[in-house]
Amino acid sequence: MNSTRKILVWLLLSLILAIPIAGAAMSPQLAWRDPIYITAGFAGVLAMAFLLLQPLLAGRYLPGLSAPQARRAHKAIGSLLVSAIVVHLVGLWITSSPDVVDALLFRSPTSFSPWGVVAMWAVFAAALLAIAKRKLGITPRIWRNIHTCFAVVAVVGSVVHAMLIEGTMEFYSKTALCFLVVVATIALIFKLRSRNAVSTYRAK
């Protein structure tokens, strides 16, 4: 891929990530909102943006990054994703702790809450699995499959959670971002399956 195409890919990705954030920033629903609530909301928006980057980095779909660079970026974005979710949760806890407790106990009346909770725990599980990778003593292939399963649960839960919320995110940019997260994740799954199939064939 030549340098011009690389630049265009990165510019397009930047727009894809920036437009939903800008749309949320201009939302009329932010009027008179508490700063902590706004921070919690934007942490959720950033988490969705990070969720798009993860499969793109894991599958090495982004140009100009070597395999080690893509792995390091994947780990760094994973840390940012966890941090964004923690900020989202803590901010909502500060503004309305009873609602957060109800959500965590799966007794919230809102339809989007359980999806968000499931996605949160899946992200945390994937992160812990990454931290404990060397201590688990399992093969890289098994580890990758388990890690991918957690990632898929996180993506499905996050996308449904985001789409069910009528919040600060602008509908069309939110829908496009969620769609791209799903497409990138599916593309990564097929790539990993193809890689596993090749590895199995060579081992015979």
C-alpha atoms as a PDB file:
ATOM      1  CA  MET A   1       0.000   0.000   0.000  1.00  0.00           C
ATOM      2  CA  ASN A   2       1.483   3.336  -1.044  1.00  0.00           C
ATOM      3  CA  SER A   3       1.823   6.279   1.328  1.00  0.00           C
ATOM      4  CA  THR A   4      -1.154   8.166  -0.144  1.00  0.00           C
ATOM      5  CA  ARG A   5      -3.510   5.257   0.453  1.00  0.00           C
ATOM      6  CA  LYS A   6      -2.138   4.813   3.968  1.00  0.00           C
ATOM      7  CA  ILE A   7      -2.820   8.459   4.746  1.00  0.00           C
ATOM      8  CA  LEU A   8      -6.340   8.186   3.320  1.00  0.00           C
ATOM      9  CA  VAL A   9      -7.077   5.105   5.432  1.00  0.00           C
ATOM     10  CA  TRP A  10      -5.928   6.840   8.604  1.00  0.00           C
ATOM     11  CA  LEU A  11      -7.868   9.999   7.726  1.00  0.00           C
ATOM     12  CA  LEU A  12     -11.008   7.967   7.102  1.00  0.00           C
ATOM     13  CA  LEU A  13     -10.577   6.133  10.392  1.00  0.00           C
ATOM     14  CA  SER A  14     -10.062   9.441  12.201  1.00  0.00           C
ATOM     15  CA  LEU A  15     -13.319  10.779  10.728  1.00  0.00           C
ATOM     16  CA  ILE A  16     -15.186   7.607  11.640  1.00  0.00           C
ATOM     17  CA  LEU A  17     -14.058   7.987  15.242  1.00  0.00           C
ATOM     18  CA  ALA A  18     -14.408  11.771  15.449  1.00  0.00           C
ATOM     19  CA  ILE A  19     -17.896  12.218  13.978  1.00  0.00           C
ATOM     20  CA  PRO A  20     -19.793  10.283  16.700  1.00  0.00           C
ATOM     21  CA  ILE A  21     -17.819  12.115  19.394  1.00  0.00           C
ATOM     22  CA  ALA A  22     -18.551  15.478  17.769  1.00  0.00           C
ATOM     23  CA  GLY A  23     -22.210  14.547  17.400  1.00  0.00           C
ATOM     24  CA  ALA A  24     -22.430  13.684  21.077  1.00  0.00           C
ATOM     25  CA  ALA A  25     -20.698  16.947  22.002  1.00  0.00           C
ATOM     26  CA  MET A  26     -23.376  18.920  20.160  1.00  0.00           C
ATOM     27  CA  SER A  27     -26.285  16.993  21.658  1.00  0.00           C
ATOM     28  CA  PRO A  28     -29.012  19.187  23.194  1.00  0.00           C
ATOM     29  CA  GLN A  29     -29.350  16.573  25.918  1.00  0.00           C
ATOM     30  CA  LEU A  30     -26.131  17.878  27.461  1.00  0.00           C
ATOM     31  CA  ALA A  31     -27.822  21.117  28.467  1.00  0.00           C
ATOM     32  CA  TRP A  32     -27.977  21.507  32.246  1.00  0.00           C
ATOM     33  CA  ARG A  33     -26.371  18.123  32.770  1.00  0.00           C
ATOM     34  CA  ASP A  34     -23.945  17.601  35.635  1.00  0.00           C
ATOM     35  CA  PRO A  35     -20.257  17.578  34.540  1.00  0.00           C
ATOM     36  CA  ILE A  36     -19.771  14.135  36.074  1.00  0.00           C
ATOM     37  CA  TYR A  37     -22.709  12.767  34.105  1.00  0.00           C
ATOM     38  CA  ILE A  38     -21.325  14.293  30.904  1.00  0.00           C
ATOM     39  CA  THR A  39     -17.905  12.784  31.616  1.00  0.00           C
ATOM     40  CA  ALA A  40     -19.470   9.368  32.190  1.00  0.00           C
ATOM     41  CA  GLY A  41     -21.386   9.650  28.922  1.00  0.00           C
ATOM     42  CA  PHE A  42     -18.349  10.631  26.893  1.00  0.00           C
ATOM     43  CA  ALA A  43     -16.373   7.794  28.463  1.00  0.00           C
ATOM     44  CA  GLY A  44     -18.991   5.458  27.022  1.00  0.00           C
ATOM     45  CA  VAL A  45     -18.668   7.069  23.591  1.00  0.00           C
ATOM     46  CA  LEU A  46     -14.876   6.708  23.717  1.00  0.00           C
ATOM     47  CA  ALA A  47     -15.254   3.080  24.754  1.00  0.00           C
ATOM     48  CA  MET A  48     -17.215   2.424  21.551  1.00  0.00           C
ATOM     49  CA  ALA A  49     -14.467   4.105  19.530  1.00  0.00           C
ATOM     50  CA  PHE A  50     -11.806   1.978  21.232  1.00  0.00           C
ATOM     51  CA  LEU A  51     -13.931  -1.100  20.544  1.00  0.00           C
ATOM     52  CA  LEU A  52     -13.623  -0.426  16.812  1.00  0.00           C
ATOM     53  CA  LEU A  53      -9.847  -0.076  16.986  1.00  0.00           C
ATOM     54  CA  GLN A  54      -9.306  -3.395  18.757  1.00  0.00           C
ATOM     55  CA  PRO A  55     -10.248  -5.817  15.946  1.00  0.00           C
ATOM     56  CA  LEU A  56      -8.558  -3.562  13.392  1.00  0.00           C
ATOM     57  CA  LEU A  57      -5.319  -3.762  15.353  1.00  0.00           C
ATOM     58  CA  ALA A  58      -5.647  -7.458  16.194  1.00  0.00           C
ATOM     59  CA  GLY A  59      -6.216  -8.296  12.543  1.00  0.00           C
ATOM     60  CA  ARG A  60      -3.475  -5.917  11.369  1.00  0.00           C
ATOM     61  CA  TYR A  61      -5.897  -4.119   9.073  1.00  0.00           C
ATOM     62  CA  LEU A  62      -4.381  -0.699   9.731  1.00  0.00           C
ATOM     63  CA  PRO A  63      -1.542   0.222   7.360  1.00  0.00           C
ATOM     64  CA  GLY A  64       1.902   1.312   8.462  1.00  0.00           C
ATOM     65  CA  LEU A  65       2.033  -0.810  11.613  1.00  0.00           C
ATOM     66  CA  SER A  66       4.316  -3.789  12.001  1.00  0.00           C
ATOM     67  CA  ALA A  67       3.096  -6.866  13.870  1.00  0.00           C
ATOM     68  CA  PRO A  68       4.847  -5.863  17.144  1.00  0.00           C
ATOM     69  CA  GLN A  69       3.534  -2.293  16.838  1.00  0.00           C
ATOM     70  CA  ALA A  70      -0.006  -3.529  16.225  1.00  0.00           C
ATOM     71  CA  ARG A  71       0.208  -5.826  19.271  1.00  0.00           C
ATOM     72  CA  ARG A  72       1.498  -3.034  21.497  1.00  0.00           C
ATOM     73  CA  ALA A  73      -1.213  -0.684  20.231  1.00  0.00           C
ATOM     74  CA  HIS A  74      -3.849  -3.388  20.810  1.00  0.00           C
ATOM     75  CA  LYS A  75      -2.717  -3.738  24.425  1.00  0.00           C
ATOM     76  CA  ALA A  76      -2.603   0.036  24.944  1.00  0.00           C
ATOM     77  CA  ILE A  77      -6.073   0.556  23.469  1.00  0.00           C
ATOM     78  CA  GLY A  78      -7.311  -2.348  25.575  1.00  0.00           C
ATOM     79  CA  SER A  79      -6.092  -0.541  28.689  1.00  0.00           C
ATOM     80  CA  LEU A  80      -7.805   2.653  27.533  1.00  0.00           C
ATOM     81  CA  LEU A  81     -11.003   0.699  26.871  1.00  0.00           C
ATOM     82  CA  VAL A  82     -11.013  -0.699  30.397  1.00  0.00           C
ATOM     83  CA  SER A  83     -10.272   2.761  31.803  1.00  0.00           C
ATOM     84  CA  ALA A  84     -13.114   4.327  29.807  1.00  0.00           C
ATOM     85  CA  ILE A  85     -15.556   1.707  31.082  1.00  0.00           C
ATOM     86  CA  VAL A  86     -14.427   2.289  34.670  1.00  0.00           C
ATOM     87  CA  VAL A  87     -14.887   6.062  34.264  1.00  0.00           C
ATOM     88  CA  HIS A  88     -18.311   5.443  32.694  1.00  0.00           C
ATOM     89  CA  LEU A  89     -19.352   3.213  35.582  1.00  0.00           C
ATOM     90  CA  VAL A  90     -17.927   5.408  38.358  1.00  0.00           C
ATOM     91  CA  GLY A  91     -19.469   8.545  36.843  1.00  0.00           C
ATOM     92  CA  LEU A  92     -22.891   6.934  36.684  1.00  0.00           C
ATOM     93  CA  TRP A  93     -22.424   5.624  40.222  1.00  0.00           C
ATOM     94  CA  ILE A  94     -21.706   9.129  41.506  1.00  0.00           C
ATOM     95  CA  THR A  95     -24.726  10.610  39.739  1.00  0.00           C
ATOM     96  CA  SER A  96     -27.149   7.780  40.550  1.00  0.00           C
ATOM     97  CA  SER A  97     -25.791   4.860  42.562  1.00  0.00           C
ATOM     98  CA  PRO A  98     -29.178   3.076  42.975  1.00  0.00           C
ATOM     99  CA  ASP A  99     -29.534   2.831  39.191  1.00  0.00           C
ATOM    100  CA  VAL A 100     -26.037   1.365  38.896  1.00  0.00           C
ATOM    101  CA  VAL A 101     -26.738  -1.167  41.639  1.00  0.00           C
ATOM    102  CA  ASP A 102     -29.949  -2.222  39.897  1.00  0.00           C
ATOM    103  CA  ALA A 103     -28.067  -2.569  36.612  1.00  0.00           C
ATOM    104  CA  LEU A 104     -25.275  -4.658  38.149  1.00  0.00           C
ATOM    105  CA  LEU A 105     -27.850  -6.932  39.794  1.00  0.00           C
ATOM    106  CA  PHE A 106     -29.792  -7.233  36.506  1.00  0.00           C
ATOM    107  CA  ARG A 107     -32.954  -5.772  37.975  1.00  0.00           C
ATOM    108  CA  SER A 108     -32.955  -2.455  36.141  1.00  0.00           C
ATOM    109  CA  PRO A 109     -36.204  -1.613  34.301  1.00  0.00           C
ATOM    110  CA  THR A 110     -34.256  -0.209  31.334  1.00  0.00           C
ATOM    111  CA  SER A 111     -33.703  -2.629  28.450  1.00  0.00           C
ATOM    112  CA  PHE A 112     -30.186  -1.389  27.673  1.00  0.00           C
ATOM    113  CA  SER A 113     -28.693  -1.887  31.156  1.00  0.00           C
ATOM    114  CA  PRO A 114     -28.153  -5.680  31.159  1.00  0.00           C
ATOM    115  CA  TRP A 115     -26.432  -5.535  27.774  1.00  0.00           C
ATOM    116  CA  GLY A 116     -24.021  -2.921  29.060  1.00  0.00           C
ATOM    117  CA  VAL A 117     -23.258  -4.924  32.202  1.00  0.00           C
ATOM    118  CA  VAL A 118     -22.595  -8.112  30.234  1.00  0.00           C
ATOM    119  CA  ALA A 119     -20.341  -6.183  27.844  1.00  0.00           C
ATOM    120  CA  MET A 120     -18.461  -4.644  30.775  1.00  0.00           C
ATOM    121  CA  TRP A 121     -17.719  -7.988  32.409  1.00  0.00           C
ATOM    122  CA  ALA A 122     -16.688  -9.458  29.052  1.00  0.00           C
ATOM    123  CA  VAL A 123     -14.190  -6.619  28.523  1.00  0.00           C
ATOM    124  CA  PHE A 124     -12.822  -7.083  32.035  1.00  0.00           C
ATOM    125  CA  ALA A 125     -12.524 -10.843  31.473  1.00  0.00           C
ATOM    126  CA  ALA A 126     -10.683 -10.326  28.177  1.00  0.00           C
ATOM    127  CA  ALA A 127      -8.313  -7.865  29.866  1.00  0.00           C
ATOM    128  CA  LEU A 128      -7.612 -10.224  32.791  1.00  0.00           C
ATOM    129  CA  LEU A 129      -7.020 -13.045  30.346  1.00  0.00           C
ATOM    130  CA  ALA A 130      -4.472 -10.898  28.536  1.00  0.00           C
ATOM    131  CA  ILE A 131      -2.698 -10.037  31.793  1.00  0.00           C
ATOM    132  CA  ALA A 132      -2.568 -13.676  32.910  1.00  0.00           C
ATOM    133  CA  LYS A 133      -1.621 -15.022  29.484  1.00  0.00           C
ATOM    134  CA  ARG A 134       1.788 -16.382  30.487  1.00  0.00           C
ATOM    135  CA  LYS A 135       0.604 -17.800  33.818  1.00  0.00           C
ATOM    136  CA  LEU A 136      -2.305 -19.809  32.427  1.00  0.00           C
ATOM    137  CA  GLY A 137      -0.137 -22.381  30.687  1.00  0.00           C
ATOM    138  CA  ILE A 138      -2.481 -22.848  27.725  1.00  0.00           C
ATOM    139  CA  THR A 139      -1.577 -22.877  24.062  1.00  0.00           C
ATOM    140  CA  PRO A 140      -1.663 -19.597  22.142  1.00  0.00           C
ATOM    141  CA  ARG A 141      -4.436 -20.938  19.922  1.00  0.00           C
ATOM    142  CA  ILE A 142      -6.709 -21.829  22.869  1.00  0.00           C
ATOM    143  CA  TRP A 143      -5.919 -18.506  24.553  1.00  0.00           C
ATOM    144  CA  ARG A 144      -6.730 -16.618  21.359  1.00  0.00           C
ATOM    145  CA  ASN A 145     -10.035 -18.452  20.950  1.00  0.00           C
ATOM    146  CA  ILE A 146     -11.122 -17.704  24.532  1.00  0.00           C
ATOM    147  CA  HIS A 147     -10.000 -14.086  24.233  1.00  0.00           C
ATOM    148  CA  THR A 148     -11.937 -13.742  20.992  1.00  0.00           C
ATOM    149  CA  CYS A 149     -15.077 -15.215  22.583  1.00  0.00           C
ATOM    150  CA  PHE A 150     -14.956 -12.599  25.329  1.00  0.00           C
ATOM    151  CA  ALA A 151     -14.380  -9.912  22.703  1.00  0.00           C
ATOM    152  CA  VAL A 152     -17.421 -11.057  20.698  1.00  0.00           C
ATOM    153  CA  VAL A 153     -19.621 -10.943  23.805  1.00  0.00           C
ATOM    154  CA  ALA A 154     -18.254  -7.465  24.563  1.00  0.00           C
ATOM    155  CA  VAL A 155     -19.006  -6.261  21.040  1.00  0.00           C
ATOM    156  CA  VAL A 156     -22.538  -7.677  20.914  1.00  0.00           C
ATOM    157  CA  GLY A 157     -23.368  -6.352  24.372  1.00  0.00           C
ATOM    158  CA  SER A 158     -21.876  -2.928  23.683  1.00  0.00           C
ATOM    159  CA  VAL A 159     -23.590  -2.503  20.317  1.00  0.00           C
ATOM    160  CA  VAL A 160     -27.025  -3.492  21.626  1.00  0.00           C
ATOM    161  CA  HIS A 161     -26.460  -1.333  24.722  1.00  0.00           C
ATOM    162  CA  ALA A 162     -25.543   1.692  22.604  1.00  0.00           C
ATOM    163  CA  MET A 163     -28.346   1.258  20.084  1.00  0.00           C
ATOM    164  CA  LEU A 164     -31.030   0.904  22.765  1.00  0.00           C
ATOM    165  CA  ILE A 165     -29.971   4.089  24.559  1.00  0.00           C
ATOM    166  CA  GLU A 166     -31.602   7.297  23.405  1.00  0.00           C
ATOM    167  CA  GLY A 167     -28.827   9.439  24.805  1.00  0.00           C
ATOM    168  CA  THR A 168     -26.261  11.973  23.719  1.00  0.00           C
ATOM    169  CA  MET A 169     -24.937  10.047  20.721  1.00  0.00           C
ATOM    170  CA  GLU A 170     -26.375  11.144  17.385  1.00  0.00           C
ATOM    171  CA  PHE A 171     -28.398   8.265  15.906  1.00  0.00           C
ATOM    172  CA  TYR A 172     -26.883   7.940  12.419  1.00  0.00           C
ATOM    173  CA  SER A 173     -23.234   8.296  13.433  1.00  0.00           C
ATOM    174  CA  LYS A 174     -23.853   5.918  16.341  1.00  0.00           C
ATOM    175  CA  THR A 175     -25.438   3.372  14.022  1.00  0.00           C
ATOM    176  CA  ALA A 176     -22.548   3.650  11.562  1.00  0.00           C
ATOM    177  CA  LEU A 177     -19.980   3.218  14.338  1.00  0.00           C
ATOM    178  CA  CYS A 178     -21.780   0.188  15.767  1.00  0.00           C
ATOM    179  CA  PHE A 179     -22.095  -1.323  12.294  1.00  0.00           C
ATOM    180  CA  LEU A 180     -18.374  -0.903  11.659  1.00  0.00           C
ATOM    181  CA  VAL A 181     -17.513  -2.436  15.032  1.00  0.00           C
ATOM    182  CA  VAL A 182     -19.549  -5.514  14.111  1.00  0.00           C
ATOM    183  CA  VAL A 183     -18.074  -5.725  10.594  1.00  0.00           C
ATOM    184  CA  ALA A 184     -14.498  -5.380  11.876  1.00  0.00           C
ATOM    185  CA  THR A 185     -15.109  -8.060  14.501  1.00  0.00           C
ATOM    186  CA  ILE A 186     -16.624 -10.479  11.990  1.00  0.00           C
ATOM    187  CA  ALA A 187     -13.716  -9.873   9.605  1.00  0.00           C
ATOM    188  CA  LEU A 188     -11.265 -10.655  12.407  1.00  0.00           C
ATOM    189  CA  ILE A 189     -13.119 -13.857  13.340  1.00  0.00           C
ATOM    190  CA  PHE A 190     -12.953 -15.134   9.754  1.00  0.00           C
ATOM    191  CA  LYS A 191      -9.283 -14.214   9.560  1.00  0.00           C
ATOM    192  CA  LEU A 192      -8.515 -16.105  12.771  1.00  0.00           C
ATOM    193  CA  ARG A 193     -10.536 -19.115  11.620  1.00  0.00           C
ATOM    194  CA  SER A 194      -8.622 -19.149   8.364  1.00  0.00           C
ATOM    195  CA  ARG A 195      -5.339 -18.921  10.249  1.00  0.00           C
ATOM    196  CA  ASN A 196      -6.374 -21.778  12.571  1.00  0.00           C
ATOM    197  CA  ALA A 197      -7.392 -23.895   9.594  1.00  0.00           C
ATOM    198  CA  VAL A 198      -4.000 -23.362   7.943  1.00  0.00           C
ATOM    199  CA  SER A 199      -2.195 -24.200  11.189  1.00  0.00           C
ATOM    200  CA  THR A 200      -4.219 -27.406  11.593  1.00  0.00           C
ATOM    201  CA  TYR A 201      -3.534 -28.422   8.004  1.00  0.00           C
ATOM    202  CA  ARG A 202       0.209 -27.888   8.392  1.00  0.00           C
ATOM    203  CA  ALA A 203       0.249 -29.880  11.632  1.00  0.00           C
ATOM    204  CA  LYS A 204      -1.179 -32.972   9.898  1.00  0.00           C
END
